[in-house]
Amino acid sequence: MMVLLGLLATMVIILASGITMYVTYQHPALAEPLTVAVGVAAVLLTGIALTRR
């Protein structure tokens, strides 16, 4: 069960990062695409790590 939850969380993080990167790529004035995608992934991973303790 925990493995499936981990896989689901990973898929959501990848999806959210991809969406964010696509939006910032289409609107470059928002920010650098890769920087934003990495920032979103870091925030989501931090949230997951903090809630698991």
Protein backbone atom coordinates (compact mmCIF):
# COMPACT_ATOMS: atom_id res chain seq x y z
CA MET A 1 0.00 0.00 0.00
CA MET A 2 2.77 2.45 0.90
CA VAL A 3 4.57 1.68 -2.37
CA LEU A 4 1.49 2.60 -4.36
CA LEU A 5 1.08 5.80 -2.35
CA GLY A 6 4.72 6.67 -3.03
CA LEU A 7 4.28 6.04 -6.75
CA LEU A 8 1.13 8.15 -6.82
CA ALA A 9 2.87 11.00 -5.00
CA THR A 10 5.77 10.82 -7.46
CA MET A 11 3.40 10.93 -10.42
CA VAL A 12 1.57 13.94 -9.00
CA ILE A 13 4.86 15.76 -8.43
CA ILE A 14 6.01 15.05 -11.98
CA LEU A 15 2.64 16.13 -13.38
CA ALA A 16 2.58 19.36 -11.36
CA SER A 17 6.15 20.17 -12.36
CA GLY A 18 5.42 19.49 -16.01
CA ILE A 19 2.33 21.68 -16.01
CA THR A 20 4.20 24.48 -14.31
CA MET A 21 7.09 24.19 -16.75
CA TYR A 22 4.72 24.23 -19.73
CA VAL A 23 2.91 27.34 -18.49
CA THR A 24 6.12 29.24 -17.80
CA TYR A 25 7.51 28.12 -21.18
CA GLN A 26 4.46 29.56 -22.94
CA HIS A 27 4.71 32.78 -20.89
CA PRO A 28 8.45 33.44 -20.41
CA ALA A 29 7.80 36.64 -18.50
CA LEU A 30 6.67 34.53 -15.53
CA ALA A 31 10.05 32.90 -14.87
CA GLU A 32 12.65 30.49 -16.16
CA PRO A 33 10.79 27.22 -16.89
CA LEU A 34 13.21 24.77 -15.32
CA THR A 35 13.75 26.87 -12.21
CA VAL A 36 10.04 27.05 -11.53
CA ALA A 37 9.51 23.33 -12.15
CA VAL A 38 12.32 22.40 -9.79
CA GLY A 39 10.98 24.82 -7.17
CA VAL A 40 7.50 23.29 -7.35
CA ALA A 41 8.94 19.78 -7.04
CA ALA A 42 11.05 20.83 -4.05
CA VAL A 43 8.08 22.38 -2.26
CA LEU A 44 5.89 19.32 -2.87
CA LEU A 45 8.62 16.93 -1.75
CA THR A 46 9.20 18.99 1.39
CA GLY A 47 5.49 18.93 2.15
CA ILE A 48 5.36 15.17 1.75
CA ALA A 49 8.45 14.67 3.90
CA LEU A 50 7.07 16.87 6.68
CA THR A 51 3.66 15.22 6.74
CA ARG A 52 5.09 11.70 6.91
CA ARG A 53 6.83 12.33 10.26
